[in-house]
Amino acid sequence: MIGSALNVVNDPLDVSERRWHPRLFHIVETDDITLKNSPDAEWFDVLLKWDWKRYRELGAEYYEALYRFNQQATQRRLEAESAMNHGNEESKDEARQRLLFERPTAGNSQTPILFETPVSSQPVHIDPEEIGPGKVPSRLAGKQPKCFFSLLKSFVGVTLMGHAAEPENIRRELVNNPAFARVCGFMPADAYGLYDQRAIPSLRKLEQFDQIMTENGLWSKCKWDEIRTNINSGLIKAEREIVHDTTHYHAYSCFEVVKYEDEKGKQQKKSQAKVGKSCGCKEKETCPHEWRLVDDGAGTVVKSANRMYWAHKASMLALPRQGVPLDAVAVTDAASHDSHTLEASLRRLFDNLPLTRDWFDYVLDDGAAYDLDLMARIEEELGLRVRASMNPRRRPALIEDLPRGMAKLTPYGDLIRMDGHTMEYRGVRWQTDSFIYGPALDEQQRPHCLNCLHRSGCCPHADKGRQATVHFDKLPHIQPKDPPMAKRFKAMMTRRPAVERVIKRVKCDFGEPQLTKRGNAAFQARLDKSMIALHVLLRT
């Protein structure tokens, strides 16, 4: 393609929109055209139309964090050398016990349930208006860093392809997919010589970028910015309900069983990540560095008596009608009960997105959240009514002291007649503190009572069928204001499974259910990167 020598060239081959220079020939690769017109390569169209100006402030924070990272490298080495002069008297077994009782599931109420993303408080001296694709801040010494905007596009692009946004996957795609490298702003290294900022970064540089973004909470900051943008633009609309659930990712580690004594002096045991040190010392038993869990946050996730996984757990909030996730956060200890994450997740959402506080009237959850104390606390403090699937917690069915003609009252609030039909729930009578049940209807909407064999002993004179009442005391685990037997309750709960589809998108469509890194910080970064790609795709 022949272009004007005075026109500005703006294409994937040109890594800087501010590079004004004449060009007589503009070469367009065939695979770029193919990908642009392919409906199955949405990632290419997203990256080609990337609005990099939205990420200027994030880029300035990254370059500032990169500068500090390089400046502190020498200091970290000196601190490691000085630490060799101080002893560490804690044994490995003592460290196991200490780390065990620091976990929330071991009785430590001071440890938060949800992982707290680090927030950098360091000042930023870089003007966001002075950076752009191919234009990095100038320093007095050292090589020019890789372009932040190209690096960010490469991580988002791999996630849009359906792979986990980990440095190994990004490096493989950049090397094996020239079109992907070009649209991100990179070119093969041999095109520029020994070193050039436009060359495809090495695996070490990609790992460094991911580490800096994770340690400074920049992945999380980017995620919240994407969600706010979609809310402010009207892509995400308000709904009356919000759904919550947890999911697990298989951990990239092994566990060990730790034995301990509980408060009563009884011997107990609990699975825990192995204890180790991150230093390079040969004699780790005697070196001065501190013992720590090699995979903090991993725990035994129990799905049933025969289904247990060594994994990390994430708490997720989503809009059921639109199928859009609003937050996904790592749980500090994966062995925590699912109900412990609901209140903390809602507070975290409202702190980061205050606009959504007035959206919701109800929060929908599974049976793990069916706890009357939890429901009352959330309604009182957050103004949300919790509707959760019934969980009778092994409560037996009642077969005695029931209204005449009734055979059984299930813990789910279903009143069963002698002929096996289930009475229809009608409402509440507050004057007598009781639930009201009416007769079951046949296909012609006639009461089954008319042809019932037990009618003579149950309701011989009721032309419209049997009506019965059950006192609240017989179902103490059911909220009379919002009973799960009501039709409106059942209709609303049909929207709760939408969270499962949202989890599938975040977990599988924009990532992988197996982790390749250890620790809650890396797990939270994985969740944030999946959320970023999903919300970027919403705008296309």
Protein backbone atom coordinates (compact mmCIF):
# COMPACT_ATOMS: atom_id res chain seq x y z
CA MET A 1 0.00 0.00 0.00
CA ILE A 2 1.40 3.41 -0.98
CA GLY A 3 0.69 6.30 1.38
CA SER A 4 1.36 10.01 1.45
CA ALA A 5 4.75 11.09 2.75
CA LEU A 6 3.10 13.80 4.87
CA ASN A 7 0.53 11.64 6.60
CA VAL A 8 0.85 10.21 10.09
CA VAL A 9 1.22 6.43 10.09
CA ASN A 10 -0.96 4.77 12.72
CA ASP A 11 -0.85 0.98 12.52
CA PRO A 12 0.29 -2.06 14.59
CA LEU A 13 3.75 -1.83 13.03
CA ASP A 14 4.29 1.65 14.44
CA VAL A 15 4.74 1.41 18.22
CA SER A 16 4.37 5.17 18.79
CA GLU A 17 1.52 7.39 17.73
CA ARG A 18 3.84 10.34 18.25
CA ARG A 19 6.53 9.22 15.83
CA TRP A 20 6.09 11.79 13.05
CA HIS A 21 8.25 10.88 10.12
CA PRO A 22 7.76 10.49 6.37
CA ARG A 23 7.19 7.05 4.96
CA LEU A 24 6.73 6.27 1.31
CA PHE A 25 5.73 2.65 1.68
CA HIS A 26 3.37 1.26 4.33
CA ILE A 27 3.45 -2.54 4.49
CA VAL A 28 0.37 -4.34 5.80
CA GLU A 29 0.85 -8.00 6.64
CA THR A 30 -1.65 -10.46 5.23
CA ASP A 31 -2.27 -12.14 8.58
CA ASP A 32 -3.21 -8.75 10.10
CA ILE A 33 -5.95 -8.34 7.51
CA THR A 34 -7.15 -11.90 8.07
CA LEU A 35 -7.30 -11.47 11.84
CA LYS A 36 -9.05 -8.10 11.58
CA ASN A 37 -11.84 -9.61 9.48
CA SER A 38 -12.12 -12.83 11.47
CA PRO A 39 -15.07 -13.07 13.93
CA ASP A 40 -13.11 -15.63 15.96
CA ALA A 41 -10.18 -13.28 16.65
CA GLU A 42 -11.84 -10.67 18.83
CA TRP A 43 -8.61 -10.18 20.71
CA PHE A 44 -6.97 -8.65 17.62
CA ASP A 45 -9.76 -6.13 17.10
CA VAL A 46 -9.69 -5.16 20.79
CA LEU A 47 -5.92 -4.60 20.78
CA LEU A 48 -6.01 -2.79 17.44
CA LYS A 49 -8.54 -0.27 18.78
CA TRP A 50 -6.87 -0.02 22.18
CA ASP A 51 -7.50 3.36 23.83
CA TRP A 52 -4.11 3.76 25.48
CA LYS A 53 -4.83 7.27 26.78
CA ARG A 54 -7.10 5.81 29.45
CA TYR A 55 -4.10 4.09 31.04
CA ARG A 56 -1.72 7.02 31.29
CA GLU A 57 -2.04 7.42 35.08
CA LEU A 58 -1.60 3.69 35.57
CA GLY A 59 1.48 3.81 33.34
CA ALA A 60 2.96 6.67 35.37
CA GLU A 61 2.49 4.66 38.57
CA TYR A 62 4.11 1.63 36.95
CA TYR A 63 7.18 3.53 35.77
CA GLU A 64 7.55 5.06 39.24
CA ALA A 65 7.28 1.61 40.83
CA LEU A 66 9.79 0.23 38.31
CA TYR A 67 12.25 2.99 39.21
CA ARG A 68 11.90 2.21 42.93
CA PHE A 69 12.23 -1.51 42.21
CA ASN A 70 15.55 -0.98 40.47
CA GLN A 71 16.80 1.45 43.09
CA GLN A 72 15.95 -0.94 45.93
CA ALA A 73 17.65 -3.95 44.35
CA THR A 74 20.99 -3.04 45.90
CA GLN A 75 19.38 -2.25 49.24
CA ARG A 76 17.64 -5.64 49.33
CA ARG A 77 20.94 -7.37 48.67
CA LEU A 78 22.66 -5.47 51.48
CA GLU A 79 19.84 -6.26 53.89
CA ALA A 80 20.08 -9.95 53.03
CA GLU A 81 23.82 -9.90 53.73
CA SER A 82 23.38 -8.11 57.05
CA ALA A 83 20.69 -10.57 58.09
CA MET A 84 23.28 -13.31 58.01
CA ASN A 85 24.82 -11.78 61.13
CA HIS A 86 21.61 -12.27 63.14
CA GLY A 87 20.38 -15.67 64.20
CA ASN A 88 16.89 -17.12 63.96
CA GLU A 89 16.19 -19.40 66.88
CA GLU A 90 12.77 -20.54 65.68
CA SER A 91 12.71 -24.15 64.54
CA LYS A 92 10.69 -25.44 61.63
CA ASP A 93 8.20 -27.23 63.90
CA GLU A 94 7.70 -24.09 65.96
CA ALA A 95 7.08 -22.13 62.76
CA ARG A 96 4.43 -24.67 61.69
CA GLN A 97 2.53 -24.13 64.94
CA ARG A 98 2.87 -20.33 64.77
CA LEU A 99 1.69 -20.14 61.17
CA LEU A 100 -1.17 -22.53 61.89
CA PHE A 101 -2.66 -20.36 64.62
CA GLU A 102 -2.31 -17.25 62.49
CA ARG A 103 -4.97 -18.66 60.12
CA PRO A 104 -8.64 -17.58 60.45
CA THR A 105 -9.79 -21.21 60.48
CA ALA A 106 -7.56 -21.90 63.50
CA GLY A 107 -9.30 -19.30 65.66
CA ASN A 108 -7.38 -16.13 64.79
CA SER A 109 -10.09 -13.48 64.51
CA GLN A 110 -7.55 -10.73 63.77
CA THR A 111 -6.74 -12.10 60.32
CA PRO A 112 -9.13 -10.72 57.67
CA ILE A 113 -11.24 -13.19 55.72
CA LEU A 114 -10.46 -11.61 52.34
CA PHE A 115 -7.04 -10.85 50.91
CA GLU A 116 -6.15 -7.18 51.23
CA THR A 117 -4.60 -5.88 48.02
CA PRO A 118 -1.51 -3.74 48.67
CA VAL A 119 -1.89 -0.05 47.87
CA SER A 120 1.20 1.99 47.10
CA SER A 121 1.41 5.26 49.03
CA GLN A 122 4.57 6.45 47.30
CA PRO A 123 4.34 9.78 45.42
CA VAL A 124 4.37 9.71 41.62
CA HIS A 125 6.79 12.20 40.06
CA ILE A 126 6.00 11.31 36.46
CA ASP A 127 3.56 13.42 34.45
CA PRO A 128 1.05 11.05 32.78
CA GLU A 129 0.75 13.43 29.82
CA GLU A 130 4.42 12.93 28.97
CA ILE A 131 4.21 9.17 28.35
CA GLY A 132 2.63 7.18 25.57
CA PRO A 133 3.17 4.11 23.38
CA GLY A 134 6.88 3.97 22.68
CA LYS A 135 7.58 7.06 24.82
CA VAL A 136 8.92 6.28 28.30
CA PRO A 137 10.13 8.60 31.08
CA SER A 138 13.73 9.69 30.73
CA ARG A 139 16.24 8.71 33.39
CA LEU A 140 19.82 9.85 33.89
CA ALA A 141 21.28 6.37 33.51
CA GLY A 142 20.37 2.85 32.44
CA LYS A 143 18.59 1.31 29.51
CA GLN A 144 15.18 2.46 28.41
CA PRO A 145 12.45 0.27 29.98
CA LYS A 146 9.97 -1.68 27.94
CA CYS A 147 6.84 0.22 26.99
CA PHE A 148 4.15 -0.12 29.67
CA PHE A 149 1.31 0.12 27.17
CA SER A 150 2.72 -2.71 25.04
CA LEU A 151 3.26 -4.90 28.09
CA LEU A 152 -0.26 -4.25 29.35
CA LYS A 153 -1.75 -5.06 25.94
CA SER A 154 0.17 -8.33 25.78
CA PHE A 155 -1.21 -9.50 29.15
CA VAL A 156 -4.77 -8.49 28.29
CA GLY A 157 -4.48 -10.00 24.81
CA VAL A 158 -3.42 -13.43 26.07
CA THR A 159 -6.32 -13.38 28.54
CA LEU A 160 -8.73 -12.56 25.71
CA MET A 161 -7.40 -15.62 23.90
CA GLY A 162 -8.58 -17.72 26.84
CA HIS A 163 -5.20 -18.41 28.42
CA ALA A 164 -3.97 -17.52 31.88
CA ALA A 165 -2.16 -14.18 31.81
CA GLU A 166 1.13 -15.56 33.11
CA PRO A 167 4.57 -14.52 31.77
CA GLU A 168 5.24 -17.95 30.25
CA ASN A 169 2.09 -17.77 28.13
CA ILE A 170 2.72 -14.17 27.07
CA ARG A 171 6.28 -14.96 26.02
CA ARG A 172 5.15 -17.96 23.98
CA GLU A 173 2.49 -15.97 22.13
CA LEU A 174 4.82 -13.05 21.42
CA VAL A 175 7.45 -15.37 19.95
CA ASN A 176 5.15 -17.72 18.04
CA ASN A 177 2.49 -15.23 16.90
CA PRO A 178 4.03 -12.32 14.93
CA ALA A 179 0.64 -10.64 14.45
CA PHE A 180 0.11 -10.60 18.21
CA ALA A 181 3.56 -9.11 18.78
CA ARG A 182 2.95 -6.41 16.17
CA VAL A 183 -0.45 -5.36 17.48
CA CYS A 184 1.02 -5.10 20.99
CA GLY A 185 3.84 -2.91 19.71
CA PHE A 186 6.76 -5.39 19.74
CA MET A 187 9.02 -6.72 17.00
CA PRO A 188 11.62 -9.52 16.89
CA ALA A 189 14.84 -8.64 18.68
CA ASP A 190 17.09 -9.21 15.65
CA ALA A 191 15.33 -6.37 13.84
CA TYR A 192 16.95 -3.77 16.11
CA GLY A 193 20.24 -5.23 17.27
CA LEU A 194 21.40 -6.13 20.76
CA TYR A 195 18.85 -4.15 22.77
CA ASP A 196 15.86 -2.05 21.87
CA GLN A 197 12.79 -1.24 23.92
CA ARG A 198 10.58 -2.25 20.97
CA ALA A 199 12.01 -5.78 20.86
CA ILE A 200 9.98 -8.69 22.25
CA PRO A 201 10.71 -8.76 26.01
CA SER A 202 12.43 -11.70 27.61
CA LEU A 203 10.68 -13.96 30.08
CA ARG A 204 12.53 -12.22 32.90
CA LYS A 205 11.21 -8.80 31.85
CA LEU A 206 7.66 -10.13 31.66
CA GLU A 207 8.00 -11.68 35.11
CA GLN A 208 9.35 -8.39 36.44
CA PHE A 209 6.40 -6.49 34.98
CA ASP A 210 3.91 -8.91 36.53
CA GLN A 211 5.71 -8.77 39.88
CA ILE A 212 5.73 -4.95 40.01
CA MET A 213 2.07 -4.72 39.00
CA THR A 214 1.14 -7.29 41.66
CA GLU A 215 3.22 -5.94 44.56
CA ASN A 216 1.96 -2.39 44.04
CA GLY A 217 -1.69 -3.33 43.59
CA LEU A 218 -1.79 -1.99 40.03
CA TRP A 219 -3.70 -4.97 38.61
CA SER A 220 -6.43 -4.34 41.16
CA LYS A 221 -6.44 -0.60 40.45
CA CYS A 222 -6.80 -1.29 36.75
CA LYS A 223 -9.69 -3.68 37.40
CA TRP A 224 -11.69 -1.15 39.42
CA ASP A 225 -11.03 1.51 36.78
CA GLU A 226 -12.42 -0.76 34.06
CA ILE A 227 -15.58 -1.48 36.07
CA ARG A 228 -16.14 2.21 36.86
CA THR A 229 -15.73 3.08 33.18
CA ASN A 230 -18.37 0.56 32.15
CA ILE A 231 -20.75 1.77 34.87
CA ASN A 232 -20.32 5.44 33.99
CA SER A 233 -20.79 4.74 30.29
CA GLY A 234 -24.03 2.84 30.90
CA LEU A 235 -22.78 -0.56 29.75
CA ILE A 236 -23.43 -1.89 33.26
CA LYS A 237 -26.88 -0.99 34.55
CA ALA A 238 -28.33 -1.09 38.05
CA GLU A 239 -30.19 -4.19 39.23
CA ARG A 240 -32.22 -4.96 42.34
CA GLU A 241 -30.34 -8.18 43.10
CA ILE A 242 -26.71 -9.15 43.39
CA VAL A 243 -25.55 -12.76 43.54
CA HIS A 244 -22.66 -14.19 45.54
CA ASP A 245 -20.80 -17.47 45.48
CA THR A 246 -17.33 -18.91 45.94
CA THR A 247 -15.16 -20.97 43.62
CA HIS A 248 -11.83 -22.72 43.89
CA TYR A 249 -8.67 -22.89 41.77
CA HIS A 250 -6.38 -25.89 42.11
CA ALA A 251 -3.27 -24.86 44.03
CA TYR A 252 0.24 -25.17 42.60
CA SER A 253 1.62 -26.74 45.78
CA CYS A 254 1.38 -29.65 48.19
CA PHE A 255 0.24 -29.76 51.80
CA GLU A 256 1.31 -31.37 55.04
CA VAL A 257 -0.71 -32.44 58.08
CA VAL A 258 0.06 -30.46 61.22
CA LYS A 259 -0.83 -31.90 64.63
CA TYR A 260 -1.74 -29.54 67.46
CA GLU A 261 -3.66 -29.34 70.74
CA ASP A 262 -6.94 -27.47 70.91
CA GLU A 263 -8.19 -25.37 73.83
CA LYS A 264 -9.38 -28.50 75.63
CA GLY A 265 -6.00 -30.19 75.30
CA LYS A 266 -7.27 -32.69 72.74
CA GLN A 267 -5.01 -33.73 69.87
CA GLN A 268 -6.17 -32.39 66.50
CA LYS A 269 -4.73 -32.27 62.99
CA LYS A 270 -5.14 -29.87 60.10
CA SER A 271 -3.85 -29.64 56.54
CA GLN A 272 -1.56 -26.72 55.81
CA ALA A 273 0.83 -25.55 53.12
CA LYS A 274 4.42 -26.59 53.64
CA VAL A 275 6.76 -24.31 55.56
CA GLY A 276 9.91 -23.00 53.90
CA LYS A 277 12.15 -20.01 53.26
CA SER A 278 12.48 -17.90 50.14
CA CYS A 279 16.20 -17.28 50.63
CA GLY A 280 18.98 -19.01 48.72
CA CYS A 281 20.82 -20.22 51.80
CA LYS A 282 22.10 -23.77 51.73
CA GLU A 283 21.53 -24.42 55.43
CA LYS A 284 17.93 -23.27 55.79
CA GLU A 285 17.54 -24.88 59.21
CA THR A 286 20.11 -22.52 60.71
CA CYS A 287 19.97 -19.45 58.44
CA PRO A 288 18.50 -16.26 59.97
CA HIS A 289 15.62 -15.79 57.53
CA GLU A 290 12.04 -16.22 58.71
CA TRP A 291 9.98 -19.34 58.08
CA ARG A 292 6.77 -18.84 56.12
CA LEU A 293 4.12 -20.77 54.22
CA VAL A 294 5.28 -21.53 50.69
CA ASP A 295 1.68 -21.13 49.44
CA ASP A 296 -0.18 -18.85 51.81
CA GLY A 297 -3.93 -18.93 51.34
CA ALA A 298 -4.14 -22.50 50.05
CA GLY A 299 -6.31 -24.88 52.06
CA THR A 300 -8.59 -27.88 51.90
CA VAL A 301 -11.84 -26.92 50.14
CA VAL A 302 -14.57 -29.40 51.15
CA LYS A 303 -17.38 -29.86 48.63
CA SER A 304 -18.82 -33.04 50.13
CA ALA A 305 -17.75 -35.98 52.24
CA ASN A 306 -15.82 -37.53 49.32
CA ARG A 307 -14.89 -34.37 47.39
CA MET A 308 -12.05 -32.34 48.82
CA TYR A 309 -9.52 -30.21 46.94
CA TRP A 310 -6.24 -28.58 47.83
CA ALA A 311 -6.92 -25.20 46.32
CA HIS A 312 -7.27 -21.45 46.63
CA LYS A 313 -10.75 -19.99 47.08
CA ALA A 314 -12.24 -16.85 45.54
CA SER A 315 -15.36 -14.92 46.55
CA MET A 316 -17.34 -13.47 43.65
CA LEU A 317 -20.16 -10.93 43.29
CA ALA A 318 -22.09 -10.52 40.04
CA LEU A 319 -25.21 -9.05 38.44
CA PRO A 320 -27.55 -11.95 37.59
CA ARG A 321 -29.58 -10.42 34.76
CA GLN A 322 -26.60 -9.05 32.82
CA GLY A 323 -24.20 -11.83 33.80
CA VAL A 324 -21.44 -9.35 34.67
CA PRO A 325 -18.98 -9.87 37.57
CA LEU A 326 -18.41 -6.88 39.84
CA ASP A 327 -15.66 -8.31 42.02
CA ALA A 328 -13.56 -11.42 42.52
CA VAL A 329 -11.32 -11.53 45.57
CA ALA A 330 -9.04 -14.17 47.05
CA VAL A 331 -9.98 -15.66 50.42
CA THR A 332 -7.20 -15.43 53.00
CA ASP A 333 -7.65 -19.07 54.01
CA ALA A 334 -9.32 -21.38 51.49
CA ALA A 335 -10.55 -23.62 54.30
CA SER A 336 -12.85 -20.83 55.53
CA HIS A 337 -16.58 -21.48 55.42
CA ASP A 338 -18.30 -19.87 52.45
CA SER A 339 -20.71 -17.90 54.67
CA HIS A 340 -17.80 -15.97 56.22
CA THR A 341 -17.02 -14.29 52.88
CA LEU A 342 -20.43 -12.79 52.07
CA GLU A 343 -20.47 -9.78 54.39
CA ALA A 344 -16.81 -8.95 53.82
CA SER A 345 -17.27 -9.14 50.02
CA LEU A 346 -20.23 -6.76 50.10
CA ARG A 347 -18.34 -4.24 52.23
CA ARG A 348 -15.35 -4.42 49.90
CA LEU A 349 -17.59 -3.80 46.88
CA PHE A 350 -19.29 -0.78 48.43
CA ASP A 351 -15.94 0.68 49.51
CA ASN A 352 -14.54 0.50 45.97
CA LEU A 353 -17.78 1.23 44.09
CA PRO A 354 -19.87 3.50 46.37
CA LEU A 355 -22.31 4.11 43.53
CA THR A 356 -23.58 0.53 43.76
CA ARG A 357 -24.60 0.88 47.42
CA ASP A 358 -28.02 2.22 46.41
CA TRP A 359 -28.58 -0.31 43.64
CA PHE A 360 -29.45 -3.47 45.50
CA ASP A 361 -32.33 -4.60 47.69
CA TYR A 362 -31.44 -8.30 47.80
CA VAL A 363 -28.34 -10.47 47.77
CA LEU A 364 -28.79 -14.06 46.55
CA ASP A 365 -26.59 -16.87 47.81
CA ASP A 366 -26.54 -20.64 48.27
CA GLY A 367 -27.36 -22.63 51.40
CA ALA A 368 -24.05 -21.78 53.07
CA ALA A 369 -25.33 -18.25 53.74
CA TYR A 370 -28.62 -19.42 55.26
CA ASP A 371 -27.82 -18.19 58.75
CA LEU A 372 -30.39 -16.07 60.59
CA ASP A 373 -27.78 -14.08 62.51
CA LEU A 374 -25.84 -13.33 59.32
CA MET A 375 -29.01 -12.34 57.48
CA ALA A 376 -30.11 -10.02 60.28
CA ARG A 377 -26.67 -8.38 60.50
CA ILE A 378 -26.43 -7.72 56.76
CA GLU A 379 -29.95 -6.29 56.65
CA GLU A 380 -29.31 -4.04 59.64
CA GLU A 381 -25.84 -2.77 58.68
CA LEU A 382 -25.90 -2.88 54.88
CA GLY A 383 -29.60 -2.59 54.13
CA LEU A 384 -29.71 -5.77 52.04
CA ARG A 385 -32.05 -8.70 52.51
CA VAL A 386 -30.31 -12.05 52.07
CA ARG A 387 -32.14 -14.72 50.16
CA ALA A 388 -30.35 -18.04 50.30
CA SER A 389 -31.25 -21.59 49.39
CA MET A 390 -32.77 -23.46 52.31
CA ASN A 391 -30.22 -25.27 54.47
CA PRO A 392 -32.00 -27.13 57.30
CA ARG A 393 -28.63 -28.39 58.64
CA ARG A 394 -29.77 -31.98 59.32
CA ARG A 395 -33.00 -30.87 60.99
CA PRO A 396 -35.44 -33.82 60.95
CA ALA A 397 -38.93 -33.73 59.52
CA LEU A 398 -41.85 -33.44 61.98
CA ILE A 399 -44.44 -36.21 62.00
CA GLU A 400 -46.17 -35.50 65.33
CA ASP A 401 -48.39 -32.71 66.64
CA LEU A 402 -49.43 -31.64 63.15
CA PRO A 403 -52.81 -30.38 61.85
CA ARG A 404 -55.27 -33.17 61.20
CA GLY A 405 -54.90 -34.97 57.90
CA MET A 406 -51.22 -34.02 57.64
CA ALA A 407 -48.49 -36.69 57.49
CA LYS A 408 -45.25 -34.72 57.60
CA LEU A 409 -43.74 -31.23 57.86
CA THR A 410 -40.36 -31.16 56.12
CA PRO A 411 -37.53 -28.90 57.34
CA TYR A 412 -37.93 -27.00 54.06
CA GLY A 413 -41.41 -25.88 55.15
CA ASP A 414 -43.39 -28.27 52.93
CA LEU A 415 -46.55 -29.63 54.53
CA ILE A 416 -47.34 -33.13 53.20
CA ARG A 417 -50.88 -34.59 53.40
CA MET A 418 -51.86 -38.17 54.14
CA ASP A 419 -52.44 -38.87 50.44
CA GLY A 420 -48.92 -37.67 49.57
CA HIS A 421 -49.81 -34.32 48.03
CA THR A 422 -48.05 -31.16 49.20
CA MET A 423 -50.11 -28.31 50.58
CA GLU A 424 -49.66 -24.97 48.85
CA TYR A 425 -48.10 -22.17 50.88
CA ARG A 426 -50.43 -19.15 51.03
CA GLY A 427 -48.89 -16.64 53.42
CA VAL A 428 -48.47 -15.61 57.07
CA ARG A 429 -51.03 -14.84 59.76
CA TRP A 430 -49.30 -12.45 62.14
CA GLN A 431 -52.15 -12.42 64.65
CA THR A 432 -51.45 -16.07 65.50
CA ASP A 433 -47.76 -16.22 64.43
CA SER A 434 -48.37 -19.00 61.97
CA PHE A 435 -47.85 -19.98 58.34
CA ILE A 436 -50.96 -20.56 56.22
CA TYR A 437 -51.28 -23.49 53.81
CA GLY A 438 -54.03 -24.16 51.29
CA PRO A 439 -55.09 -27.26 49.36
CA ALA A 440 -53.07 -28.66 46.49
CA LEU A 441 -54.74 -28.23 43.08
CA ASP A 442 -55.04 -30.71 40.22
CA GLU A 443 -54.63 -29.99 36.49
CA GLN A 444 -58.14 -28.49 36.34
CA GLN A 445 -57.26 -26.20 39.28
CA ARG A 446 -59.60 -28.13 41.60
CA PRO A 447 -58.59 -29.10 45.16
CA HIS A 448 -57.32 -32.66 45.53
CA CYS A 449 -59.33 -32.78 48.74
CA LEU A 450 -62.53 -33.46 46.81
CA ASN A 451 -61.35 -36.95 45.80
CA CYS A 452 -59.11 -37.67 48.79
CA LEU A 453 -59.64 -40.95 50.67
CA HIS A 454 -58.82 -39.21 53.98
CA ARG A 455 -61.34 -36.40 53.55
CA SER A 456 -63.76 -37.71 56.18
CA GLY A 457 -61.15 -37.40 58.90
CA CYS A 458 -59.55 -34.27 57.60
CA CYS A 459 -61.98 -31.75 56.06
CA PRO A 460 -65.42 -33.32 55.48
CA HIS A 461 -67.24 -29.97 55.28
CA ALA A 462 -64.66 -27.89 53.35
CA ASP A 463 -66.01 -27.36 49.84
CA LYS A 464 -62.91 -25.41 48.79
CA GLY A 465 -60.43 -27.85 50.28
CA ARG A 466 -58.41 -28.08 53.45
CA GLN A 467 -56.66 -25.11 54.98
CA ALA A 468 -54.07 -25.51 57.73
CA THR A 469 -51.80 -23.34 59.85
CA VAL A 470 -48.37 -24.13 61.29
CA HIS A 471 -46.95 -22.10 64.16
CA PHE A 472 -43.62 -20.34 63.72
CA ASP A 473 -42.14 -22.40 66.56
CA LYS A 474 -42.30 -25.56 64.45
CA LEU A 475 -40.03 -23.95 61.84
CA PRO A 476 -37.68 -21.74 63.91
CA HIS A 477 -34.99 -21.78 61.21
CA ILE A 478 -37.27 -20.05 58.66
CA GLN A 479 -37.72 -16.28 58.54
CA PRO A 480 -41.46 -15.48 58.57
CA LYS A 481 -40.85 -12.21 56.71
CA ASP A 482 -39.21 -13.97 53.79
CA PRO A 483 -40.02 -17.70 53.82
CA PRO A 484 -38.47 -19.87 51.09
CA MET A 485 -41.86 -21.51 50.44
CA ALA A 486 -43.24 -18.29 48.94
CA LYS A 487 -43.64 -18.03 45.17
CA ARG A 488 -41.86 -14.66 45.01
CA PHE A 489 -38.89 -16.19 46.85
CA LYS A 490 -38.69 -19.12 44.45
CA ALA A 491 -39.04 -16.83 41.43
CA MET A 492 -36.15 -14.63 42.57
CA MET A 493 -33.94 -17.61 43.40
CA THR A 494 -34.18 -18.81 39.80
CA ARG A 495 -31.68 -16.02 39.03
CA ARG A 496 -29.09 -17.19 41.54
CA PRO A 497 -27.53 -19.85 39.24
CA ALA A 498 -26.41 -16.96 36.99
CA VAL A 499 -23.35 -16.64 39.22
CA GLU A 500 -22.24 -20.10 38.11
CA ARG A 501 -22.10 -18.90 34.50
CA VAL A 502 -20.19 -15.80 35.56
CA ILE A 503 -17.68 -17.95 37.46
CA LYS A 504 -17.22 -20.11 34.36
CA ARG A 505 -16.40 -17.03 32.26
CA VAL A 506 -13.85 -15.66 34.71
CA LYS A 507 -12.37 -19.03 35.61
CA CYS A 508 -12.30 -20.83 32.25
CA ASP A 509 -13.07 -18.44 29.37
CA PHE A 510 -10.59 -15.79 30.58
CA GLY A 511 -8.10 -18.03 32.32
CA GLU A 512 -7.50 -21.55 33.58
CA PRO A 513 -8.71 -23.30 36.77
CA GLN A 514 -5.16 -24.47 37.61
CA LEU A 515 -2.72 -22.04 39.16
CA THR A 516 0.94 -21.85 38.17
CA LYS A 517 2.05 -19.54 40.98
CA ARG A 518 1.85 -19.70 44.73
CA GLY A 519 0.48 -17.32 47.32
CA ASN A 520 -2.59 -15.14 47.67
CA ALA A 521 -0.95 -12.13 46.02
CA ALA A 522 -0.36 -14.05 42.77
CA PHE A 523 -3.85 -15.57 42.98
CA GLN A 524 -5.46 -12.16 43.39
CA ALA A 525 -3.47 -10.90 40.41
CA ARG A 526 -4.81 -13.81 38.33
CA LEU A 527 -8.39 -12.88 39.27
CA ASP A 528 -7.80 -9.19 38.52
CA LYS A 529 -6.31 -9.89 35.09
CA SER A 530 -9.28 -12.06 34.13
CA MET A 531 -11.69 -9.34 35.27
CA ILE A 532 -9.80 -6.66 33.32
CA ALA A 533 -10.01 -8.61 30.06
CA LEU A 534 -13.70 -9.37 30.56
CA HIS A 535 -14.65 -5.74 31.16
CA VAL A 536 -12.46 -4.54 28.28
CA LEU A 537 -14.30 -6.95 25.99
CA LEU A 538 -17.66 -5.57 27.15
CA ARG A 539 -16.86 -2.28 25.42
CA THR A 540 -16.24 -3.81 21.99
